[in-house]
Amino acid sequence: MKNQSSRRRFLKLTVGGIVGLTVGNKLLVKPAQAADLPHLSVDDAQAKALKYVNESSFSDKNCNNCMLIEGDASAE
């Protein structure tokens, strides 16, 4: 039997690999959820290093327009 190297075999292997990687990625990788993470305490060393505060001392500053924050203003 001769070794078959054809476009059809190449396409089968390529499509199978892409499907396998896509399905495998969905099954193996679990994204982090904010509900799973604990809230950062203001007294924490990392919070102090980043100058983290729960509420801004400036009245005109807020996080409602930050691209990194998702959800409504009433959510904590």
Protein backbone atom coordinates (compact mmCIF):
# COMPACT_ATOMS: atom_id res chain seq x y z
CA MET A 1 0.00 0.00 0.00
CA LYS A 2 1.38 3.38 -0.89
CA ASN A 3 1.67 6.35 1.48
CA GLN A 4 -1.13 8.74 0.61
CA SER A 5 -0.33 12.44 0.84
CA SER A 6 -3.27 14.25 -0.60
CA ARG A 7 -5.11 17.49 -0.13
CA ARG A 8 -8.13 15.60 1.14
CA ARG A 9 -6.10 13.94 3.92
CA PHE A 10 -4.44 17.25 4.77
CA LEU A 11 -7.81 19.00 5.04
CA LYS A 12 -9.25 16.21 7.21
CA LEU A 13 -6.33 16.41 9.62
CA THR A 14 -6.39 20.22 9.70
CA VAL A 15 -10.12 20.46 10.35
CA GLY A 16 -9.92 17.69 12.95
CA GLY A 17 -7.08 19.48 14.71
CA ILE A 18 -8.91 22.81 14.76
CA VAL A 19 -12.09 21.21 16.09
CA GLY A 20 -10.10 19.26 18.68
CA LEU A 21 -8.27 22.35 19.90
CA THR A 22 -11.46 24.38 20.09
CA VAL A 23 -13.41 21.75 22.02
CA GLY A 24 -10.42 20.96 24.23
CA ASN A 25 -9.97 24.63 25.06
CA LYS A 26 -13.63 24.95 26.08
CA LEU A 27 -13.46 21.88 28.30
CA LEU A 28 -10.08 22.45 29.96
CA VAL A 29 -9.95 26.22 30.53
CA LYS A 30 -12.28 27.70 33.13
CA PRO A 31 -12.39 31.51 33.22
CA ALA A 32 -12.15 33.21 36.60
CA GLN A 33 -15.38 34.64 37.96
CA ALA A 34 -15.45 37.71 40.18
CA ALA A 35 -17.83 35.95 42.56
CA ASP A 36 -15.16 33.31 43.15
CA LEU A 37 -12.58 35.88 44.25
CA PRO A 38 -12.53 37.41 47.75
CA HIS A 39 -12.85 41.17 48.19
CA LEU A 40 -9.60 42.98 48.86
CA SER A 41 -9.26 44.43 52.34
CA VAL A 42 -7.98 48.00 52.66
CA ASP A 43 -5.52 46.77 55.31
CA ASP A 44 -3.96 44.20 52.98
CA ALA A 45 -0.29 44.78 52.03
CA GLN A 46 -1.06 44.64 48.31
CA ALA A 47 -3.92 47.12 48.74
CA LYS A 48 -1.61 49.51 50.57
CA ALA A 49 1.04 49.17 47.87
CA LEU A 50 -1.55 50.00 45.20
CA LYS A 51 -3.12 52.76 47.35
CA TYR A 52 -6.48 50.97 47.16
CA VAL A 53 -9.52 52.63 48.77
CA ASN A 54 -13.17 51.59 48.82
CA GLU A 55 -14.44 55.09 48.13
CA SER A 56 -12.64 57.97 46.48
CA SER A 57 -11.83 61.03 48.56
CA PHE A 58 -12.68 63.19 45.53
CA SER A 59 -16.40 63.80 45.05
CA ASP A 60 -16.17 64.00 41.25
CA LYS A 61 -14.19 60.73 40.84
CA ASN A 62 -15.91 57.35 40.47
CA CYS A 63 -15.45 54.00 38.77
CA ASN A 64 -18.73 54.00 36.87
CA ASN A 65 -17.03 54.93 33.60
CA CYS A 66 -14.03 52.60 34.00
CA MET A 67 -13.64 50.05 31.18
CA LEU A 68 -12.44 47.42 33.67
CA ILE A 69 -15.59 47.54 35.81
CA GLU A 70 -18.67 45.63 34.66
CA GLY A 71 -22.15 45.72 36.14
CA ASP A 72 -24.35 48.46 37.46
CA ALA A 73 -23.48 51.06 40.09
CA SER A 74 -25.58 49.38 42.80
CA ALA A 75 -23.60 46.13 42.59
CA GLU A 76 -20.67 45.70 44.94
